[in-house]
Amino acid sequence: MEPQDTVTIAPSVLITIARQAAIEVKGIARMGTIPIDVTHLLKGNPMGSGVVLEIERNQVSFELYLIVKPGVSMRDISHEVQRSVTRSIQELVGMEVLKVNVHIEDVDFTPDSKPEA
């Protein structure tokens, strides 16, 4: 009989990877705030740092809440975040990513925020 070795990855690790992949995209100012959503709470979805995670078997889905810098194409930056998160999860963890939904909550117009060129 062969051993049944397993690897367990905590949901918080997946959230950290997704968050880091998102904020590394040029034009992202920071993560946003997750809106109060009873559905997420009732389902027991892990969440934190602007990321809501849903795990189904060996597949994951993400809801990302972001604040962008002024002067960026929100459409282009959203696609780049989706690619970055998907690639990071697949390469680092080997899990299939079903979806990455991007919610842009605001544009950071604070005095120290510089527009992206």
PDB file of N, CA and C in Angstrom:
ATOM      1  N   MET A   1       0.846  -1.184   0.000  1.00  0.00           N
ATOM      2  CA  MET A   1       0.000   0.000   0.000  1.00  0.00           C
ATOM      3  C   MET A   1       0.888   1.241   0.000  1.00  0.00           C
ATOM      4  N   GLU A   2       0.574   2.182  -0.885  1.00  0.00           N
ATOM      5  CA  GLU A   2       1.353   3.419  -0.986  1.00  0.00           C
ATOM      6  C   GLU A   2       0.820   4.453  -0.005  1.00  0.00           C
ATOM      7  N   PRO A   3       1.713   5.315   0.509  1.00  0.00           N
ATOM      8  CA  PRO A   3       1.260   6.345   1.455  1.00  0.00           C
ATOM      9  C   PRO A   3       0.330   7.350   0.768  1.00  0.00           C
ATOM     10  N   GLN A   4      -0.582   7.863   1.522  1.00  0.00           N
ATOM     11  CA  GLN A   4      -1.534   8.864   1.040  1.00  0.00           C
ATOM     12  C   GLN A   4      -1.076  10.255   1.482  1.00  0.00           C
ATOM     13  N   ASP A   5       0.005  10.723   0.900  1.00  0.00           N
ATOM     14  CA  ASP A   5       0.544  12.036   1.258  1.00  0.00           C
ATOM     15  C   ASP A   5      -0.386  13.139   0.764  1.00  0.00           C
ATOM     16  N   THR A   6      -0.557  14.153   1.585  1.00  0.00           N
ATOM     17  CA  THR A   6      -1.383  15.296   1.194  1.00  0.00           C
ATOM     18  C   THR A   6      -0.660  16.591   1.515  1.00  0.00           C
ATOM     19  N   VAL A   7      -1.022  17.601   0.791  1.00  0.00           N
ATOM     20  CA  VAL A   7      -0.542  18.948   1.046  1.00  0.00           C
ATOM     21  C   VAL A   7      -1.769  19.813   1.283  1.00  0.00           C
ATOM     22  N   THR A   8      -1.790  20.517   2.385  1.00  0.00           N
ATOM     23  CA  THR A   8      -2.908  21.393   2.712  1.00  0.00           C
ATOM     24  C   THR A   8      -2.434  22.835   2.701  1.00  0.00           C
ATOM     25  N   ILE A   9      -3.161  23.658   1.988  1.00  0.00           N
ATOM     26  CA  ILE A   9      -2.825  25.081   1.905  1.00  0.00           C
ATOM     27  C   ILE A   9      -3.959  25.862   2.554  1.00  0.00           C
ATOM     28  N   ALA A  10      -3.620  26.669   3.535  1.00  0.00           N
ATOM     29  CA  ALA A  10      -4.625  27.454   4.254  1.00  0.00           C
ATOM     30  C   ALA A  10      -5.244  28.497   3.326  1.00  0.00           C
ATOM     31  N   PRO A  11      -6.540  28.759   3.463  1.00  0.00           N
ATOM     32  CA  PRO A  11      -7.179  29.796   2.660  1.00  0.00           C
ATOM     33  C   PRO A  11      -6.485  31.152   2.778  1.00  0.00           C
ATOM     34  N   SER A  12      -5.933  31.452   3.956  1.00  0.00           N
ATOM     35  CA  SER A  12      -5.249  32.743   4.122  1.00  0.00           C
ATOM     36  C   SER A  12      -4.032  32.863   3.211  1.00  0.00           C
ATOM     37  N   VAL A  13      -3.404  31.734   2.878  1.00  0.00           N
ATOM     38  CA  VAL A  13      -2.266  31.753   1.952  1.00  0.00           C
ATOM     39  C   VAL A  13      -2.741  32.132   0.554  1.00  0.00           C
ATOM     40  N   LEU A  14      -3.864  31.576   0.123  1.00  0.00           N
ATOM     41  CA  LEU A  14      -4.419  31.909  -1.191  1.00  0.00           C
ATOM     42  C   LEU A  14      -4.805  33.388  -1.255  1.00  0.00           C
ATOM     43  N   ILE A  15      -5.373  33.896  -0.174  1.00  0.00           N
ATOM     44  CA  ILE A  15      -5.741  35.315  -0.115  1.00  0.00           C
ATOM     45  C   ILE A  15      -4.493  36.186  -0.212  1.00  0.00           C
ATOM     46  N   THR A  16      -3.436  35.813   0.493  1.00  0.00           N
ATOM     47  CA  THR A  16      -2.187  36.580   0.455  1.00  0.00           C
ATOM     48  C   THR A  16      -1.579  36.579  -0.944  1.00  0.00           C
ATOM     49  N   ILE A  17      -1.572  35.443  -1.605  1.00  0.00           N
ATOM     50  CA  ILE A  17      -1.020  35.361  -2.961  1.00  0.00           C
ATOM     51  C   ILE A  17      -1.825  36.238  -3.915  1.00  0.00           C
ATOM     52  N   ALA A  18      -3.148  36.160  -3.844  1.00  0.00           N
ATOM     53  CA  ALA A  18      -4.005  36.968  -4.722  1.00  0.00           C
ATOM     54  C   ALA A  18      -3.809  38.459  -4.456  1.00  0.00           C
ATOM     55  N   ARG A  19      -3.749  38.831  -3.187  1.00  0.00           N
ATOM     56  CA  ARG A  19      -3.562  40.239  -2.818  1.00  0.00           C
ATOM     57  C   ARG A  19      -2.234  40.756  -3.348  1.00  0.00           C
ATOM     58  N   GLN A  20      -1.165  40.001  -3.147  1.00  0.00           N
ATOM     59  CA  GLN A  20       0.158  40.429  -3.595  1.00  0.00           C
ATOM     60  C   GLN A  20       0.219  40.535  -5.119  1.00  0.00           C
ATOM     61  N   ALA A  21      -0.371  39.567  -5.810  1.00  0.00           N
ATOM     62  CA  ALA A  21      -0.388  39.598  -7.272  1.00  0.00           C
ATOM     63  C   ALA A  21      -1.141  40.821  -7.788  1.00  0.00           C
ATOM     64  N   ALA A  22      -2.209  41.206  -7.091  1.00  0.00           N
ATOM     65  CA  ALA A  22      -3.006  42.359  -7.515  1.00  0.00           C
ATOM     66  C   ALA A  22      -2.264  43.674  -7.283  1.00  0.00           C
ATOM     67  N   ILE A  23      -1.686  43.860  -6.097  1.00  0.00           N
ATOM     68  CA  ILE A  23      -1.055  45.156  -5.805  1.00  0.00           C
ATOM     69  C   ILE A  23       0.262  45.354  -6.542  1.00  0.00           C
ATOM     70  N   GLU A  24       0.824  44.287  -7.094  1.00  0.00           N
ATOM     71  CA  GLU A  24       2.042  44.434  -7.889  1.00  0.00           C
ATOM     72  C   GLU A  24       1.765  44.955  -9.290  1.00  0.00           C
ATOM     73  N   VAL A  25       0.510  44.964  -9.708  1.00  0.00           N
ATOM     74  CA  VAL A  25       0.150  45.478 -11.024  1.00  0.00           C
ATOM     75  C   VAL A  25       0.276  46.997 -11.007  1.00  0.00           C
ATOM     76  N   LYS A  26       0.981  47.519 -11.991  1.00  0.00           N
ATOM     77  CA  LYS A  26       1.200  48.969 -12.081  1.00  0.00           C
ATOM     78  C   LYS A  26      -0.145  49.676 -12.252  1.00  0.00           C
ATOM     79  N   GLY A  27      -0.398  50.635 -11.378  1.00  0.00           N
ATOM     80  CA  GLY A  27      -1.641  51.397 -11.428  1.00  0.00           C
ATOM     81  C   GLY A  27      -2.591  51.087 -10.281  1.00  0.00           C
ATOM     82  N   ILE A  28      -2.289  50.045  -9.518  1.00  0.00           N
ATOM     83  CA  ILE A  28      -3.102  49.728  -8.343  1.00  0.00           C
ATOM     84  C   ILE A  28      -2.536  50.507  -7.159  1.00  0.00           C
ATOM     85  N   ALA A  29      -3.381  51.295  -6.516  1.00  0.00           N
ATOM     86  CA  ALA A  29      -2.937  52.082  -5.363  1.00  0.00           C
ATOM     87  C   ALA A  29      -2.902  51.222  -4.099  1.00  0.00           C
ATOM     88  N   ARG A  30      -3.995  50.485  -3.877  1.00  0.00           N
ATOM     89  CA  ARG A  30      -4.075  49.615  -2.698  1.00  0.00           C
ATOM     90  C   ARG A  30      -5.342  48.774  -2.813  1.00  0.00           C
ATOM     91  N   MET A  31      -5.483  47.854  -1.881  1.00  0.00           N
ATOM     92  CA  MET A  31      -6.686  47.034  -1.830  1.00  0.00           C
ATOM     93  C   MET A  31      -7.819  47.860  -1.225  1.00  0.00           C
ATOM     94  N   GLY A  32      -9.025  47.564  -1.647  1.00  0.00           N
ATOM     95  CA  GLY A  32     -10.189  48.259  -1.130  1.00  0.00           C
ATOM     96  C   GLY A  32     -10.788  47.524   0.053  1.00  0.00           C
ATOM     97  N   THR A  33     -11.972  47.968   0.440  1.00  0.00           N
ATOM     98  CA  THR A  33     -12.687  47.382   1.565  1.00  0.00           C
ATOM     99  C   THR A  33     -13.774  46.459   1.032  1.00  0.00           C
ATOM    100  N   ILE A  34     -13.877  45.295   1.630  1.00  0.00           N
ATOM    101  CA  ILE A  34     -14.902  44.347   1.226  1.00  0.00           C
ATOM    102  C   ILE A  34     -16.238  44.861   1.742  1.00  0.00           C
ATOM    103  N   PRO A  35     -17.218  45.046   0.852  1.00  0.00           N
ATOM    104  CA  PRO A  35     -18.524  45.507   1.328  1.00  0.00           C
ATOM    105  C   PRO A  35     -19.203  44.424   2.166  1.00  0.00           C
ATOM    106  N   ILE A  36     -20.046  44.857   3.067  1.00  0.00           N
ATOM    107  CA  ILE A  36     -20.774  43.902   3.904  1.00  0.00           C
ATOM    108  C   ILE A  36     -21.769  43.171   3.006  1.00  0.00           C
ATOM    109  N   ASP A  37     -21.598  41.870   2.925  1.00  0.00           N
ATOM    110  CA  ASP A  37     -22.445  41.044   2.072  1.00  0.00           C
ATOM    111  C   ASP A  37     -22.826  39.794   2.862  1.00  0.00           C
ATOM    112  N   VAL A  38     -24.070  39.706   3.211  1.00  0.00           N
ATOM    113  CA  VAL A  38     -24.544  38.595   4.023  1.00  0.00           C
ATOM    114  C   VAL A  38     -24.317  37.260   3.307  1.00  0.00           C
ATOM    115  N   THR A  39     -24.394  37.254   1.981  1.00  0.00           N
ATOM    116  CA  THR A  39     -24.201  36.016   1.225  1.00  0.00           C
ATOM    117  C   THR A  39     -22.840  35.415   1.506  1.00  0.00           C
ATOM    118  N   HIS A  40     -21.781  36.255   1.481  1.00  0.00           N
ATOM    119  CA  HIS A  40     -20.436  35.758   1.763  1.00  0.00           C
ATOM    120  C   HIS A  40     -20.339  35.217   3.188  1.00  0.00           C
ATOM    121  N   LEU A  41     -20.980  35.909   4.111  1.00  0.00           N
ATOM    122  CA  LEU A  41     -20.922  35.479   5.504  1.00  0.00           C
ATOM    123  C   LEU A  41     -21.647  34.155   5.717  1.00  0.00           C
ATOM    124  N   LEU A  42     -22.811  34.011   5.078  1.00  0.00           N
ATOM    125  CA  LEU A  42     -23.578  32.782   5.241  1.00  0.00           C
ATOM    126  C   LEU A  42     -22.888  31.579   4.599  1.00  0.00           C
ATOM    127  N   LYS A  43     -22.207  31.816   3.479  1.00  0.00           N
ATOM    128  CA  LYS A  43     -21.484  30.734   2.812  1.00  0.00           C
ATOM    129  C   LYS A  43     -20.201  30.375   3.556  1.00  0.00           C
ATOM    130  N   GLY A  44     -19.742  31.282   4.408  1.00  0.00           N
ATOM    131  CA  GLY A  44     -18.510  31.034   5.149  1.00  0.00           C
ATOM    132  C   GLY A  44     -17.267  31.213   4.300  1.00  0.00           C
ATOM    133  N   ASN A  45     -17.357  32.040   3.267  1.00  0.00           N
ATOM    134  CA  ASN A  45     -16.203  32.266   2.401  1.00  0.00           C
ATOM    135  C   ASN A  45     -15.095  32.984   3.157  1.00  0.00           C
ATOM    136  N   PRO A  46     -13.859  32.488   3.052  1.00  0.00           N
ATOM    137  CA  PRO A  46     -12.737  33.198   3.669  1.00  0.00           C
ATOM    138  C   PRO A  46     -12.560  34.559   2.991  1.00  0.00           C
ATOM    139  N   MET A  47     -12.249  35.571   3.780  1.00  0.00           N
ATOM    140  CA  MET A  47     -12.046  36.898   3.204  1.00  0.00           C
ATOM    141  C   MET A  47     -11.094  37.698   4.061  1.00  0.00           C
ATOM    142  N   GLY A  48     -10.459  38.674   3.412  1.00  0.00           N
ATOM    143  CA  GLY A  48      -9.568  39.570   4.115  1.00  0.00           C
ATOM    144  C   GLY A  48      -8.733  40.369   3.151  1.00  0.00           C
ATOM    145  N   SER A  49      -8.308  41.534   3.557  1.00  0.00           N
ATOM    146  CA  SER A  49      -7.425  42.395   2.764  1.00  0.00           C
ATOM    147  C   SER A  49      -7.959  42.667   1.362  1.00  0.00           C
ATOM    148  N   GLY A  50      -9.260  42.905   1.247  1.00  0.00           N
ATOM    149  CA  GLY A  50      -9.833  43.232  -0.059  1.00  0.00           C
ATOM    150  C   GLY A  50     -10.050  42.043  -0.966  1.00  0.00           C
ATOM    151  N   VAL A  51      -9.987  40.837  -0.425  1.00  0.00           N
ATOM    152  CA  VAL A  51     -10.137  39.613  -1.224  1.00  0.00           C
ATOM    153  C   VAL A  51     -11.183  38.707  -0.584  1.00  0.00           C
ATOM    154  N   VAL A  52     -12.119  38.229  -1.398  1.00  0.00           N
ATOM    155  CA  VAL A  52     -13.055  37.198  -0.962  1.00  0.00           C
ATOM    156  C   VAL A  52     -12.724  35.957  -1.782  1.00  0.00           C
ATOM    157  N   LEU A  53     -12.567  34.838  -1.109  1.00  0.00           N
ATOM    158  CA  LEU A  53     -12.148  33.588  -1.724  1.00  0.00           C
ATOM    159  C   LEU A  53     -13.269  32.564  -1.642  1.00  0.00           C
ATOM    160  N   GLU A  54     -13.472  31.848  -2.735  1.00  0.00           N
ATOM    161  CA  GLU A  54     -14.414  30.736  -2.736  1.00  0.00           C
ATOM    162  C   GLU A  54     -13.663  29.510  -3.255  1.00  0.00           C
ATOM    163  N   ILE A  55     -13.722  28.425  -2.501  1.00  0.00           N
ATOM    164  CA  ILE A  55     -13.013  27.203  -2.865  1.00  0.00           C
ATOM    165  C   ILE A  55     -14.035  26.110  -3.156  1.00  0.00           C
ATOM    166  N   GLU A  56     -13.899  25.490  -4.320  1.00  0.00           N
ATOM    167  CA  GLU A  56     -14.737  24.357  -4.704  1.00  0.00           C
ATOM    168  C   GLU A  56     -13.810  23.259  -5.207  1.00  0.00           C
ATOM    169  N   ARG A  57     -13.693  22.194  -4.449  1.00  0.00           N
ATOM    170  CA  ARG A  57     -12.781  21.083  -4.736  1.00  0.00           C
ATOM    171  C   ARG A  57     -11.364  21.627  -4.884  1.00  0.00           C
ATOM    172  N   ASN A  58     -10.762  21.487  -6.066  1.00  0.00           N
ATOM    173  CA  ASN A  58      -9.403  22.000  -6.287  1.00  0.00           C
ATOM    174  C   ASN A  58      -9.435  23.253  -7.158  1.00  0.00           C
ATOM    175  N   GLN A  59     -10.552  23.983  -7.104  1.00  0.00           N
ATOM    176  CA  GLN A  59     -10.723  25.188  -7.910  1.00  0.00           C
ATOM    177  C   GLN A  59     -11.045  26.364  -6.996  1.00  0.00           C
ATOM    178  N   VAL A  60     -10.557  27.535  -7.398  1.00  0.00           N
ATOM    179  CA  VAL A  60     -10.784  28.728  -6.590  1.00  0.00           C
ATOM    180  C   VAL A  60     -11.364  29.854  -7.436  1.00  0.00           C
ATOM    181  N   SER A  61     -12.117  30.721  -6.779  1.00  0.00           N
ATOM    182  CA  SER A  61     -12.658  31.937  -7.378  1.00  0.00           C
ATOM    183  C   SER A  61     -12.361  33.083  -6.428  1.00  0.00           C
ATOM    184  N   PHE A  62     -12.113  34.254  -6.994  1.00  0.00           N
ATOM    185  CA  PHE A  62     -11.772  35.426  -6.195  1.00  0.00           C
ATOM    186  C   PHE A  62     -12.660  36.601  -6.548  1.00  0.00           C
ATOM    187  N   GLU A  63     -12.959  37.388  -5.537  1.00  0.00           N
ATOM    188  CA  GLU A  63     -13.563  38.716  -5.685  1.00  0.00           C
ATOM    189  C   GLU A  63     -12.523  39.679  -5.118  1.00  0.00           C
ATOM    190  N   LEU A  64     -12.008  40.589  -5.942  1.00  0.00           N
ATOM    191  CA  LEU A  64     -10.984  41.538  -5.502  1.00  0.00           C
ATOM    192  C   LEU A  64     -11.565  42.942  -5.500  1.00  0.00           C
ATOM    193  N   TYR A  65     -11.331  43.665  -4.423  1.00  0.00           N
ATOM    194  CA  TYR A  65     -11.804  45.041  -4.275  1.00  0.00           C
ATOM    195  C   TYR A  65     -10.577  45.947  -4.266  1.00  0.00           C
ATOM    196  N   LEU A  66     -10.503  46.853  -5.264  1.00  0.00           N
ATOM    197  CA  LEU A  66      -9.279  47.618  -5.499  1.00  0.00           C
ATOM    198  C   LEU A  66      -9.515  49.113  -5.557  1.00  0.00           C
ATOM    199  N   ILE A  67      -8.459  49.852  -5.208  1.00  0.00           N
ATOM    200  CA  ILE A  67      -8.387  51.295  -5.389  1.00  0.00           C
ATOM    201  C   ILE A  67      -7.284  51.519  -6.423  1.00  0.00           C
ATOM    202  N   VAL A  68      -7.595  52.272  -7.483  1.00  0.00           N
ATOM    203  CA  VAL A  68      -6.607  52.490  -8.541  1.00  0.00           C
ATOM    204  C   VAL A  68      -6.030  53.896  -8.469  1.00  0.00           C
ATOM    205  N   LYS A  69      -4.903  54.068  -9.128  1.00  0.00           N
ATOM    206  CA  LYS A  69      -4.273  55.384  -9.223  1.00  0.00           C
ATOM    207  C   LYS A  69      -4.937  56.175 -10.339  1.00  0.00           C
ATOM    208  N   PRO A  70      -4.864  57.509 -10.277  1.00  0.00           N
ATOM    209  CA  PRO A  70      -5.474  58.321 -11.326  1.00  0.00           C
ATOM    210  C   PRO A  70      -4.765  58.108 -12.665  1.00  0.00           C
ATOM    211  N   GLY A  71      -5.520  58.240 -13.743  1.00  0.00           N
ATOM    212  CA  GLY A  71      -4.943  58.203 -15.077  1.00  0.00           C
ATOM    213  C   GLY A  71      -4.745  56.821 -15.670  1.00  0.00           C
ATOM    214  N   VAL A  72      -5.253  55.785 -15.029  1.00  0.00           N
ATOM    215  CA  VAL A  72      -5.098  54.436 -15.578  1.00  0.00           C
ATOM    216  C   VAL A  72      -6.375  54.021 -16.308  1.00  0.00           C
ATOM    217  N   SER A  73      -6.230  53.144 -17.258  1.00  0.00           N
ATOM    218  CA  SER A  73      -7.384  52.556 -17.919  1.00  0.00           C
ATOM    219  C   SER A  73      -7.923  51.464 -16.993  1.00  0.00           C
ATOM    220  N   MET A  74      -9.098  51.683 -16.458  1.00  0.00           N
ATOM    221  CA  MET A  74      -9.658  50.732 -15.503  1.00  0.00           C
ATOM    222  C   MET A  74      -9.924  49.383 -16.168  1.00  0.00           C
ATOM    223  N   ARG A  75     -10.280  49.406 -17.411  1.00  0.00           N
ATOM    224  CA  ARG A  75     -10.517  48.154 -18.146  1.00  0.00           C
ATOM    225  C   ARG A  75      -9.215  47.375 -18.291  1.00  0.00           C
ATOM    226  N   ASP A  76      -8.169  48.055 -18.750  1.00  0.00           N
ATOM    227  CA  ASP A  76      -6.877  47.385 -18.955  1.00  0.00           C
ATOM    228  C   ASP A  76      -6.284  46.884 -17.648  1.00  0.00           C
ATOM    229  N   ILE A  77      -6.355  47.703 -16.607  1.00  0.00           N
ATOM    230  CA  ILE A  77      -5.771  47.306 -15.331  1.00  0.00           C
ATOM    231  C   ILE A  77      -6.544  46.132 -14.719  1.00  0.00           C
ATOM    232  N   SER A  78      -7.856  46.086 -14.933  1.00  0.00           N
ATOM    233  CA  SER A  78      -8.653  44.963 -14.437  1.00  0.00           C
ATOM    234  C   SER A  78      -8.238  43.658 -15.111  1.00  0.00           C
ATOM    235  N   HIS A  79      -8.045  43.704 -16.412  1.00  0.00           N
ATOM    236  CA  HIS A  79      -7.595  42.510 -17.146  1.00  0.00           C
ATOM    237  C   HIS A  79      -6.209  42.075 -16.683  1.00  0.00           C
ATOM    238  N   GLU A  80      -5.338  43.035 -16.438  1.00  0.00           N
ATOM    239  CA  GLU A  80      -3.982  42.710 -15.982  1.00  0.00           C
ATOM    240  C   GLU A  80      -4.010  42.079 -14.587  1.00  0.00           C
ATOM    241  N   VAL A  81      -4.864  42.580 -13.710  1.00  0.00           N
ATOM    242  CA  VAL A  81      -5.009  41.994 -12.377  1.00  0.00           C
ATOM    243  C   VAL A  81      -5.517  40.555 -12.497  1.00  0.00           C
ATOM    244  N   GLN A  82      -6.505  40.341 -13.358  1.00  0.00           N
ATOM    245  CA  GLN A  82      -7.035  38.987 -13.549  1.00  0.00           C
ATOM    246  C   GLN A  82      -5.935  38.029 -14.023  1.00  0.00           C
ATOM    247  N   ARG A  83      -5.137  38.463 -14.987  1.00  0.00           N
ATOM    248  CA  ARG A  83      -4.036  37.627 -15.492  1.00  0.00           C
ATOM    249  C   ARG A  83      -3.006  37.363 -14.403  1.00  0.00           C
ATOM    250  N   SER A  84      -2.652  38.395 -13.660  1.00  0.00           N
ATOM    251  CA  SER A  84      -1.621  38.275 -12.633  1.00  0.00           C
ATOM    252  C   SER A  84      -2.043  37.319 -11.514  1.00  0.00           C
ATOM    253  N   VAL A  85      -3.259  37.456 -11.040  1.00  0.00           N
ATOM    254  CA  VAL A  85      -3.757  36.597  -9.964  1.00  0.00           C
ATOM    255  C   VAL A  85      -3.862  35.148 -10.453  1.00  0.00           C
ATOM    256  N   THR A  86      -4.423  34.954 -11.632  1.00  0.00           N
ATOM    257  CA  THR A  86      -4.567  33.602 -12.187  1.00  0.00           C
ATOM    258  C   THR A  86      -3.204  32.932 -12.337  1.00  0.00           C
ATOM    259  N   ARG A  87      -2.257  33.634 -12.916  1.00  0.00           N
ATOM    260  CA  ARG A  87      -0.910  33.081 -13.120  1.00  0.00           C
ATOM    261  C   ARG A  87      -0.254  32.740 -11.785  1.00  0.00           C
ATOM    262  N   SER A  88      -0.341  33.632 -10.818  1.00  0.00           N
ATOM    263  CA  SER A  88       0.296  33.403  -9.517  1.00  0.00           C
ATOM    264  C   SER A  88      -0.277  32.184  -8.809  1.00  0.00           C
ATOM    265  N   ILE A  89      -1.590  32.066  -8.792  1.00  0.00           N
ATOM    266  CA  ILE A  89      -2.224  30.923  -8.122  1.00  0.00           C
ATOM    267  C   ILE A  89      -1.865  29.619  -8.834  1.00  0.00           C
ATOM    268  N   GLN A  90      -1.925  29.631 -10.159  1.00  0.00           N
ATOM    269  CA  GLN A  90      -1.623  28.408 -10.904  1.00  0.00           C
ATOM    270  C   GLN A  90      -0.165  27.995 -10.752  1.00  0.00           C
ATOM    271  N   GLU A  91       0.756  28.962 -10.797  1.00  0.00           N
ATOM    272  CA  GLU A  91       2.178  28.634 -10.717  1.00  0.00           C
ATOM    273  C   GLU A  91       2.625  28.286  -9.298  1.00  0.00           C
ATOM    274  N   LEU A  92       2.151  29.016  -8.307  1.00  0.00           N
ATOM    275  CA  LEU A  92       2.622  28.811  -6.944  1.00  0.00           C
ATOM    276  C   LEU A  92       1.915  27.670  -6.219  1.00  0.00           C
ATOM    277  N   VAL A  93       0.632  27.481  -6.520  1.00  0.00           N
ATOM    278  CA  VAL A  93      -0.155  26.515  -5.765  1.00  0.00           C
ATOM    279  C   VAL A  93      -0.616  25.344  -6.636  1.00  0.00           C
ATOM    280  N   GLY A  94      -0.756  25.581  -7.919  1.00  0.00           N
ATOM    281  CA  GLY A  94      -1.203  24.526  -8.820  1.00  0.00           C
ATOM    282  C   GLY A  94      -2.700  24.303  -8.826  1.00  0.00           C
ATOM    283  N   MET A  95      -3.446  25.272  -8.342  1.00  0.00           N
ATOM    284  CA  MET A  95      -4.906  25.153  -8.336  1.00  0.00           C
ATOM    285  C   MET A  95      -5.482  25.847  -9.560  1.00  0.00           C
ATOM    286  N   GLU A  96      -6.619  25.335 -10.031  1.00  0.00           N
ATOM    287  CA  GLU A  96      -7.297  25.948 -11.166  1.00  0.00           C
ATOM    288  C   GLU A  96      -8.094  27.161 -10.677  1.00  0.00           C
ATOM    289  N   VAL A  97      -7.996  28.256 -11.415  1.00  0.00           N
ATOM    290  CA  VAL A  97      -8.735  29.469 -11.079  1.00  0.00           C
ATOM    291  C   VAL A  97      -9.954  29.545 -11.986  1.00  0.00           C
ATOM    292  N   LEU A  98     -11.140  29.491 -11.388  1.00  0.00           N
ATOM    293  CA  LEU A  98     -12.379  29.566 -12.166  1.00  0.00           C
ATOM    294  C   LEU A  98     -12.674  30.990 -12.617  1.00  0.00           C
ATOM    295  N   LYS A  99     -12.522  31.934 -11.673  1.00  0.00           N
ATOM    296  CA  LYS A  99     -12.799  33.331 -12.024  1.00  0.00           C
ATOM    297  C   LYS A  99     -12.088  34.270 -11.069  1.00  0.00           C
ATOM    298  N   VAL A 100     -11.807  35.453 -11.597  1.00  0.00           N
ATOM    299  CA  VAL A 100     -11.257  36.546 -10.799  1.00  0.00           C
ATOM    300  C   VAL A 100     -12.106  37.765 -11.145  1.00  0.00           C
ATOM    301  N   ASN A 101     -13.010  38.123 -10.250  1.00  0.00           N
ATOM    302  CA  ASN A 101     -13.858  39.297 -10.454  1.00  0.00           C
ATOM    303  C   ASN A 101     -13.191  40.502  -9.796  1.00  0.00           C
ATOM    304  N   VAL A 102     -13.043  41.559 -10.576  1.00  0.00           N
ATOM    305  CA  VAL A 102     -12.386  42.774 -10.091  1.00  0.00           C
ATOM    306  C   VAL A 102     -13.442  43.852  -9.868  1.00  0.00           C
ATOM    307  N   HIS A 103     -13.428  44.430  -8.670  1.00  0.00           N
ATOM    308  CA  HIS A 103     -14.336  45.521  -8.324  1.00  0.00           C
ATOM    309  C   HIS A 103     -13.477  46.745  -8.025  1.00  0.00           C
ATOM    310  N   ILE A 104     -13.548  47.750  -8.881  1.00  0.00           N
ATOM    311  CA  ILE A 104     -12.798  48.986  -8.628  1.00  0.00           C
ATOM    312  C   ILE A 104     -13.706  49.881  -7.801  1.00  0.00           C
ATOM    313  N   GLU A 105     -13.259  50.159  -6.582  1.00  0.00           N
ATOM    314  CA  GLU A 105     -14.086  50.903  -5.639  1.00  0.00           C
ATOM    315  C   GLU A 105     -13.853  52.400  -5.665  1.00  0.00           C
ATOM    316  N   ASP A 106     -12.637  52.809  -6.060  1.00  0.00           N
ATOM    317  CA  ASP A 106     -12.334  54.232  -5.997  1.00  0.00           C
ATOM    318  C   ASP A 106     -11.051  54.520  -6.766  1.00  0.00           C
ATOM    319  N   VAL A 107     -10.815  55.809  -6.961  1.00  0.00           N
ATOM    320  CA  VAL A 107      -9.560  56.292  -7.533  1.00  0.00           C
ATOM    321  C   VAL A 107      -8.874  57.100  -6.447  1.00  0.00           C
ATOM    322  N   ASP A 108      -7.600  56.833  -6.229  1.00  0.00           N
ATOM    323  CA  ASP A 108      -6.828  57.479  -5.165  1.00  0.00           C
ATOM    324  C   ASP A 108      -6.327  58.847  -5.628  1.00  0.00           C
ATOM    325  N   PHE A 109      -7.037  59.894  -5.241  1.00  0.00           N
ATOM    326  CA  PHE A 109      -6.647  61.253  -5.604  1.00  0.00           C
ATOM    327  C   PHE A 109      -5.992  61.983  -4.434  1.00  0.00           C
ATOM    328  N   THR A 110      -5.387  61.250  -3.503  1.00  0.00           N
ATOM    329  CA  THR A 110      -4.720  61.904  -2.389  1.00  0.00           C
ATOM    330  C   THR A 110      -3.518  62.693  -2.907  1.00  0.00           C
ATOM    331  N   PRO A 111      -3.100  63.726  -2.172  1.00  0.00           N
ATOM    332  CA  PRO A 111      -2.015  64.593  -2.641  1.00  0.00           C
ATOM    333  C   PRO A 111      -0.710  63.847  -2.971  1.00  0.00           C
ATOM    334  N   ASP A 112      -0.408  62.775  -2.245  1.00  0.00           N
ATOM    335  CA  ASP A 112       0.846  62.060  -2.496  1.00  0.00           C
ATOM    336  C   ASP A 112       0.709  60.992  -3.597  1.00  0.00           C
ATOM    337  N   SER A 113      -0.496  60.854  -4.147  1.00  0.00           N
ATOM    338  CA  SER A 113      -0.714  59.881  -5.224  1.00  0.00           C
ATOM    339  C   SER A 113      -0.325  60.500  -6.550  1.00  0.00           C
ATOM    340  N   LYS A 114       0.511  59.799  -7.300  1.00  0.00           N
ATOM    341  CA  LYS A 114       0.975  60.292  -8.593  1.00  0.00           C
ATOM    342  C   LYS A 114       0.230  59.564  -9.699  1.00  0.00           C
ATOM    343  N   PRO A 115      -0.259  60.309 -10.711  1.00  0.00           N
ATOM    344  CA  PRO A 115      -0.926  59.649 -11.838  1.00  0.00           C
ATOM    345  C   PRO A 115       0.030  58.713 -12.568  1.00  0.00           C
ATOM    346  N   GLU A 116      -0.514  57.615 -13.067  1.00  0.00           N
ATOM    347  CA  GLU A 116       0.287  56.685 -13.858  1.00  0.00           C
ATOM    348  C   GLU A 116       0.367  57.212 -15.282  1.00  0.00           C
ATOM    349  N   ALA A 117       1.521  57.072 -15.877  1.00  0.00           N
ATOM    350  CA  ALA A 117       1.692  57.551 -17.258  1.00  0.00           C
ATOM    351  C   ALA A 117       1.577  56.429 -18.234  1.00  0.00           C
TER     352      ALA A 117
END
